[in-house]
């Protein structure tokens, strides 16, 4: 009989319930299908007091962090406003676990607390894309990936939603067998286990990648240079096109100018930083490639209908545009290839 692995789920205020459930259910099913107690799990909070999930469900934990006994792995369950959960006590506890070589991981935005404790240094990590900009600004020294999940030695970090299920299925396959992980997939009507290196979102450069490689290259350059924007002439030079050719590509496939698309990327990142960090407006403007605060405020107001200062003061609940990807709304137009009768890429509409 395999030794039971005891997993602690550390819940912080406003944690994401779907991520927690997605991580626990594969463990439950592994026990059920194997007929063995392969995993045991406990709910933890820093003080042992109940916490409320982002869906307003109150959860009473089994233990506080200082009376949970032996534990083999701890997964930090984050969510909205995860930075508010930072504390000296939690930081010290996570550092002690790392020193004892306990496996550490995170779900959704929980990587922020691991990074704050300094236990992600030297490891590849990820977290939910919505918090990615703020995370990279706060911890620029870390190897942060846009992958669905990262398993790097004894660190396991995952983005949000249902992705923790993929990460835990991968772990079960590694620790037990692919037969067991496949059987769990069948029980959950899951077609496959997504690979960790798959990206969280589908950026424009991937949507057009095979059909328009030059457009994909330009967009990749834009996304990699938000703090110090590259001129359109430079972008064209780097991809071996003329300025006019680049403009035509954007007008044809994205229905806007390259400059407008680039500005949208920078403003969306600015809004993420504005709502997720305590950086000053001047610092945010600089981080997003604006030469002056007045110019930044003017562009921000024109794009979002409210100045940055008012947008920050008025944030009480996420709005639709906050959780939108850092790219314009896209619509894929698919047409049938007349010769083969197969769907082929036609265009992307802004």
Protein backbone atom coordinates (compact mmCIF):
# COMPACT_ATOMS: atom_id res chain seq x y z
CA UNK A 1 0.00 0.00 0.00
CA UNK A 2 1.33 3.45 -0.94
CA UNK A 3 2.09 5.88 1.86
CA UNK A 4 -0.59 8.51 2.28
CA UNK A 5 0.50 11.99 1.26
CA UNK A 6 -0.96 14.75 3.43
CA UNK A 7 -1.78 17.92 1.51
CA UNK A 8 -2.59 21.25 3.14
CA UNK A 9 -4.61 23.86 1.27
CA UNK A 10 -3.89 27.29 2.69
CA UNK A 11 -6.95 29.50 2.16
CA UNK A 12 -6.73 33.28 2.24
CA UNK A 13 -9.58 35.78 2.10
CA UNK A 14 -11.25 35.94 -1.32
CA UNK A 15 -9.61 32.73 -2.52
CA UNK A 16 -11.06 31.24 -5.71
CA UNK A 17 -13.33 28.29 -4.98
CA UNK A 18 -13.17 26.76 -8.46
CA UNK A 19 -9.39 26.49 -8.25
CA UNK A 20 -9.59 24.82 -4.83
CA UNK A 21 -12.20 22.30 -5.98
CA UNK A 22 -10.26 21.58 -9.18
CA UNK A 23 -7.21 20.66 -7.11
CA UNK A 24 -8.99 18.55 -4.48
CA UNK A 25 -11.26 16.46 -6.69
CA UNK A 26 -8.46 14.59 -8.52
CA UNK A 27 -7.05 13.60 -5.12
CA UNK A 28 -10.44 12.31 -3.98
CA UNK A 29 -10.91 10.33 -7.18
CA UNK A 30 -7.38 8.92 -6.97
CA UNK A 31 -8.27 7.43 -3.59
CA UNK A 32 -11.61 6.13 -4.84
CA UNK A 33 -10.31 4.47 -8.00
CA UNK A 34 -7.15 3.03 -6.45
CA UNK A 35 -8.94 1.74 -3.37
CA UNK A 36 -6.11 3.18 -1.30
CA UNK A 37 -5.75 6.34 0.81
CA UNK A 38 -3.13 7.84 -1.49
CA UNK A 39 -3.93 11.38 -0.40
CA UNK A 40 -5.32 13.14 2.64
CA UNK A 41 -6.14 16.86 2.57
CA UNK A 42 -6.80 19.49 5.19
CA UNK A 43 -7.99 23.09 4.97
CA UNK A 44 -5.73 25.64 6.63
CA UNK A 45 -5.92 29.35 7.38
CA UNK A 46 -3.28 31.51 8.97
CA UNK A 47 -5.15 31.92 12.28
CA UNK A 48 -7.45 28.91 12.17
CA UNK A 49 -10.45 31.20 11.70
CA UNK A 50 -12.97 30.87 8.83
CA UNK A 51 -12.32 32.74 5.59
CA UNK A 52 -14.66 33.79 2.83
CA UNK A 53 -14.13 32.73 -0.78
CA UNK A 54 -14.58 35.13 -3.67
CA UNK A 55 -18.02 33.59 -4.31
CA UNK A 56 -19.01 34.63 -0.75
CA UNK A 57 -18.98 31.09 0.65
CA UNK A 58 -17.54 30.96 4.19
CA UNK A 59 -15.15 28.07 4.80
CA UNK A 60 -14.18 26.80 8.24
CA UNK A 61 -10.64 25.32 8.19
CA UNK A 62 -9.41 22.19 9.91
CA UNK A 63 -6.38 23.91 11.42
CA UNK A 64 -4.36 27.08 11.67
CA UNK A 65 -0.91 27.05 10.13
CA UNK A 66 0.83 26.50 13.48
CA UNK A 67 -1.19 23.48 14.64
CA UNK A 68 -1.60 21.48 11.44
CA UNK A 69 0.91 18.78 12.34
CA UNK A 70 2.93 16.89 9.73
CA UNK A 71 2.31 17.95 6.17
CA UNK A 72 3.87 16.77 2.90
CA UNK A 73 2.71 19.51 0.58
CA UNK A 74 1.12 22.94 0.97
CA UNK A 75 -0.80 24.69 -1.80
CA UNK A 76 -1.59 28.37 -1.30
CA UNK A 77 -5.05 29.20 -2.66
CA UNK A 78 -5.17 32.81 -3.81
CA UNK A 79 -7.75 34.99 -5.46
CA UNK A 80 -8.79 38.63 -5.54
CA UNK A 81 -6.51 41.03 -3.64
CA UNK A 82 -4.04 38.33 -2.66
CA UNK A 83 -1.40 40.90 -1.63
CA UNK A 84 -3.62 41.84 1.32
CA UNK A 85 -2.95 38.41 2.84
CA UNK A 86 0.76 39.10 3.36
CA UNK A 87 1.98 38.87 6.94
CA UNK A 88 5.19 38.29 8.84
CA UNK A 89 3.78 35.13 10.42
CA UNK A 90 2.75 33.58 7.10
CA UNK A 91 6.04 34.54 5.49
CA UNK A 92 8.04 32.88 8.29
CA UNK A 93 5.90 29.71 8.15
CA UNK A 94 6.38 29.29 4.41
CA UNK A 95 10.11 29.81 4.82
CA UNK A 96 10.21 27.12 7.52
CA UNK A 97 8.39 24.70 5.24
CA UNK A 98 10.85 25.42 2.44
CA UNK A 99 13.75 24.83 4.82
CA UNK A 100 12.25 21.43 5.72
CA UNK A 101 11.90 20.68 1.98
CA UNK A 102 8.13 20.45 2.11
CA UNK A 103 6.60 20.69 -1.38
CA UNK A 104 5.14 24.14 -1.91
CA UNK A 105 2.68 25.26 -4.52
CA UNK A 106 0.02 27.79 -5.37
CA UNK A 107 -3.31 28.06 -7.16
CA UNK A 108 -4.62 31.08 -9.07
CA UNK A 109 -2.79 34.09 -7.56
CA UNK A 110 -1.29 32.22 -4.61
CA UNK A 111 2.19 32.44 -6.15
CA UNK A 112 2.28 36.03 -4.92
CA UNK A 113 2.50 34.85 -1.30
CA UNK A 114 5.17 32.28 -2.11
CA UNK A 115 7.18 34.96 -3.90
CA UNK A 116 6.70 37.35 -0.99
CA UNK A 117 8.18 34.70 1.30
CA UNK A 118 11.17 34.32 -1.03
CA UNK A 119 10.56 30.61 -1.65
CA UNK A 120 10.20 30.86 -5.44
CA UNK A 121 13.70 32.20 -6.07
CA UNK A 122 15.44 29.96 -8.58
CA UNK A 123 12.21 28.28 -9.63
CA UNK A 124 10.05 28.72 -12.70
CA UNK A 125 6.55 29.80 -11.70
CA UNK A 126 3.21 31.05 -12.98
CA UNK A 127 -0.10 32.51 -11.76
CA UNK A 128 -3.38 33.76 -13.17
CA UNK A 129 -2.79 36.03 -16.19
CA UNK A 130 -4.88 38.86 -14.70
CA UNK A 131 -2.29 39.34 -11.93
CA UNK A 132 0.73 38.70 -14.14
CA UNK A 133 1.65 42.36 -14.75
CA UNK A 134 1.57 43.27 -11.07
CA UNK A 135 3.50 40.11 -10.16
CA UNK A 136 6.29 40.82 -12.62
CA UNK A 137 6.58 44.39 -11.39
CA UNK A 138 6.78 43.25 -7.76
CA UNK A 139 9.16 40.33 -8.37
CA UNK A 140 11.17 41.09 -11.52
CA UNK A 141 13.94 38.69 -10.51
CA UNK A 142 11.71 35.61 -10.72
CA UNK A 143 11.39 33.32 -13.73
CA UNK A 144 7.70 33.98 -14.38
CA UNK A 145 5.95 32.09 -17.15
CA UNK A 146 2.59 32.48 -18.88
CA UNK A 147 2.23 28.69 -18.82
CA UNK A 148 -0.93 27.01 -17.54
CA UNK A 149 1.05 25.50 -14.70
CA UNK A 150 4.67 24.91 -13.72
CA UNK A 151 6.07 21.93 -11.84
CA UNK A 152 9.69 22.73 -11.10
CA UNK A 153 11.21 20.22 -8.69
CA UNK A 154 9.37 20.75 -5.36
CA UNK A 155 7.43 23.85 -6.47
CA UNK A 156 4.03 23.57 -8.17
CA UNK A 157 2.31 26.73 -9.33
CA UNK A 158 -0.88 26.98 -11.33
CA UNK A 159 -3.05 29.59 -12.99
CA UNK A 160 -6.73 29.75 -12.08
CA UNK A 161 -10.02 28.23 -13.11
CA UNK A 162 -9.89 24.51 -13.83
CA UNK A 163 -6.16 24.41 -14.56
CA UNK A 164 -5.26 23.07 -11.06
CA UNK A 165 -7.01 19.85 -12.10
CA UNK A 166 -4.51 19.41 -14.94
CA UNK A 167 -1.61 20.11 -12.59
CA UNK A 168 -2.82 17.60 -10.00
CA UNK A 169 -3.51 14.96 -12.66
CA UNK A 170 0.04 15.43 -13.92
CA UNK A 171 1.29 15.03 -10.34
CA UNK A 172 -0.79 11.87 -9.82
CA UNK A 173 0.55 10.42 -13.07
CA UNK A 174 4.12 11.17 -11.96
CA UNK A 175 3.68 9.79 -8.44
CA UNK A 176 1.51 6.77 -9.30
CA UNK A 177 0.67 5.92 -12.91
CA UNK A 178 -0.75 7.18 -16.18
CA UNK A 179 -3.41 4.46 -15.88
CA UNK A 180 -4.74 6.12 -12.73
CA UNK A 181 -4.61 9.68 -14.09
CA UNK A 182 -6.37 8.56 -17.30
CA UNK A 183 -9.09 6.83 -15.28
CA UNK A 184 -9.64 10.03 -13.29
CA UNK A 185 -9.96 11.96 -16.57
CA UNK A 186 -12.63 9.52 -17.69
CA UNK A 187 -14.59 9.98 -14.46
CA UNK A 188 -14.51 13.76 -14.82
CA UNK A 189 -15.36 13.69 -18.55
CA UNK A 190 -12.02 15.37 -19.18
CA UNK A 191 -10.70 14.71 -22.69
CA UNK A 192 -7.03 15.11 -21.87
CA UNK A 193 -4.53 16.41 -19.36
CA UNK A 194 -3.30 19.77 -20.61
CA UNK A 195 0.47 20.14 -20.65
CA UNK A 196 1.99 22.71 -18.32
CA UNK A 197 3.82 24.54 -21.08
CA UNK A 198 0.58 25.42 -22.86
CA UNK A 199 -0.11 29.13 -22.46
CA UNK A 200 -2.98 30.44 -20.38
CA UNK A 201 -4.47 32.63 -23.06
CA UNK A 202 -4.36 32.65 -26.82
CA UNK A 203 -2.53 35.85 -27.74
CA UNK A 204 -3.06 37.36 -31.15
CA UNK A 205 0.35 36.18 -32.32
CA UNK A 206 -0.83 32.57 -31.91
CA UNK A 207 -4.21 33.13 -33.51
CA UNK A 208 -2.54 34.45 -36.64
CA UNK A 209 0.78 32.66 -36.23
CA UNK A 210 0.61 30.14 -39.06
CA UNK A 211 -1.34 32.39 -41.41
CA UNK A 212 0.44 35.69 -40.82
CA UNK A 213 3.90 35.08 -39.31
CA UNK A 214 5.07 38.68 -39.87
CA UNK A 215 2.05 40.07 -38.03
CA UNK A 216 2.70 37.60 -35.23
CA UNK A 217 6.32 38.79 -35.00
CA UNK A 218 5.28 42.42 -34.76
CA UNK A 219 2.75 41.70 -32.01
CA UNK A 220 5.31 39.65 -30.07
CA UNK A 221 7.73 42.59 -30.22
CA UNK A 222 5.01 44.94 -28.98
CA UNK A 223 4.11 42.67 -26.05
CA UNK A 224 7.77 42.36 -25.07
CA UNK A 225 8.38 46.12 -25.16
CA UNK A 226 5.58 47.86 -23.26
CA UNK A 227 7.82 49.90 -20.96
CA UNK A 228 9.99 51.25 -23.78
CA UNK A 229 7.81 51.20 -26.90
CA UNK A 230 9.45 50.57 -30.26
CA UNK A 231 8.62 52.91 -33.13
CA UNK A 232 6.64 51.61 -36.07
CA UNK A 233 9.65 52.08 -38.37
CA UNK A 234 11.78 49.98 -36.00
CA UNK A 235 9.11 47.28 -35.74
CA UNK A 236 8.91 47.10 -39.53
CA UNK A 237 12.71 46.93 -39.83
CA UNK A 238 13.00 44.11 -37.27
CA UNK A 239 10.54 41.90 -39.18
CA UNK A 240 11.85 42.78 -42.62
CA UNK A 241 8.85 44.73 -43.87
CA UNK A 242 8.17 48.32 -44.83
CA UNK A 243 6.14 50.57 -42.56
CA UNK A 244 3.33 50.58 -45.09
CA UNK A 245 3.26 46.77 -45.25
CA UNK A 246 2.91 46.56 -41.46
CA UNK A 247 0.09 49.10 -41.53
CA UNK A 248 -1.73 47.11 -44.20
CA UNK A 249 -1.38 43.86 -42.19
CA UNK A 250 -2.99 45.45 -39.13
CA UNK A 251 -5.77 47.12 -41.11
CA UNK A 252 -6.59 43.92 -42.94
CA UNK A 253 -6.46 41.42 -40.08
CA UNK A 254 -6.96 43.45 -36.88
CA UNK A 255 -9.00 46.35 -38.28
CA UNK A 256 -6.96 49.03 -36.52
CA UNK A 257 -3.62 50.75 -36.93
CA UNK A 258 -0.43 49.30 -35.38
CA UNK A 259 -0.12 52.38 -33.17
CA UNK A 260 -3.65 51.96 -31.85
CA UNK A 261 -3.11 48.29 -31.11
CA UNK A 262 0.17 49.06 -29.31
CA UNK A 263 -1.50 51.80 -27.26
CA UNK A 264 -4.31 49.42 -26.26
CA UNK A 265 -1.77 46.90 -24.97
CA UNK A 266 -0.05 49.53 -22.85
CA UNK A 267 -3.30 50.96 -21.46
CA UNK A 268 -4.67 47.55 -20.52
CA UNK A 269 -1.46 46.80 -18.66
CA UNK A 270 -1.68 50.20 -16.95
CA UNK A 271 -5.19 49.42 -15.74
CA UNK A 272 -4.04 46.11 -14.29
CA UNK A 273 -1.23 47.83 -12.39
CA UNK A 274 -3.54 50.63 -11.26
CA UNK A 275 -6.04 48.22 -9.74
CA UNK A 276 -3.65 45.56 -8.46
CA UNK A 277 -0.74 47.54 -7.01
CA UNK A 278 -0.07 50.58 -4.88
CA UNK A 279 2.32 52.11 -7.43
CA UNK A 280 1.86 55.81 -8.03
CA UNK A 281 0.28 56.99 -11.26
CA UNK A 282 3.65 58.40 -12.31
CA UNK A 283 5.31 55.00 -11.77
CA UNK A 284 2.56 53.22 -13.72
CA UNK A 285 2.78 55.71 -16.58
CA UNK A 286 6.55 55.12 -16.79
CA UNK A 287 6.17 51.33 -16.58
CA UNK A 288 3.78 51.41 -19.53
CA UNK A 289 5.89 53.60 -21.79
CA UNK A 290 4.31 57.03 -21.36
CA UNK A 291 6.69 59.99 -21.35
CA UNK A 292 4.48 62.19 -19.16
CA UNK A 293 1.69 61.76 -16.65
CA UNK A 294 -0.65 64.25 -18.39
CA UNK A 295 -0.31 62.35 -21.67
CA UNK A 296 -0.96 59.07 -19.87
CA UNK A 297 -4.03 60.46 -18.12
CA UNK A 298 -5.40 61.85 -21.37
CA UNK A 299 -5.00 58.54 -23.19
CA UNK A 300 -6.43 56.62 -20.23
CA UNK A 301 -9.51 58.84 -20.04
CA UNK A 302 -10.12 58.58 -23.78
CA UNK A 303 -9.84 54.79 -23.67
CA UNK A 304 -11.72 53.97 -20.44
CA UNK A 305 -13.91 57.06 -19.98
CA UNK A 306 -12.45 57.91 -16.59
CA UNK A 307 -9.09 59.35 -15.44
CA UNK A 308 -6.62 57.00 -13.73
CA UNK A 309 -7.01 58.61 -10.30
CA UNK A 310 -10.80 58.23 -10.31
CA UNK A 311 -10.57 54.69 -11.61
CA UNK A 312 -8.29 53.74 -8.72
CA UNK A 313 -10.46 55.47 -6.11
CA UNK A 314 -13.61 53.87 -7.44
CA UNK A 315 -12.43 50.26 -7.53
CA UNK A 316 -14.65 48.20 -5.28
CA UNK A 317 -15.53 45.28 -7.49
CA UNK A 318 -14.03 43.96 -10.72
CA UNK A 319 -15.59 45.24 -13.90
CA UNK A 320 -15.85 43.39 -17.16
CA UNK A 321 -12.97 45.22 -18.77
CA UNK A 322 -10.68 44.40 -15.84
CA UNK A 323 -10.85 40.70 -16.53
CA UNK A 324 -10.53 41.03 -20.29
CA UNK A 325 -7.26 39.86 -21.84
CA UNK A 326 -4.63 42.50 -22.54
CA UNK A 327 -5.68 42.69 -26.18
CA UNK A 328 -8.67 44.00 -28.16
CA UNK A 329 -11.85 41.97 -28.42
CA UNK A 330 -11.40 39.57 -31.32
CA UNK A 331 -13.75 37.70 -33.57
CA UNK A 332 -12.47 34.87 -35.73
CA UNK A 333 -13.97 34.74 -39.19
CA UNK A 334 -13.83 31.23 -40.59
CA UNK A 335 -14.56 30.33 -44.20
CA UNK A 336 -14.69 26.98 -45.97
CA UNK A 337 -11.93 26.10 -48.34
CA UNK A 338 -13.82 25.56 -51.59
CA UNK A 339 -11.44 22.87 -52.78
CA UNK A 340 -11.23 20.76 -49.64
CA UNK A 341 -14.42 21.73 -47.84
CA UNK A 342 -12.40 22.35 -44.67
CA UNK A 343 -12.53 25.39 -42.37
CA UNK A 344 -9.58 27.72 -42.83
CA UNK A 345 -8.48 30.97 -41.22
CA UNK A 346 -9.97 34.03 -42.87
CA UNK A 347 -9.42 37.05 -40.65
CA UNK A 348 -9.55 38.49 -37.17
CA UNK A 349 -11.92 41.37 -36.52
CA UNK A 350 -11.43 43.99 -33.83
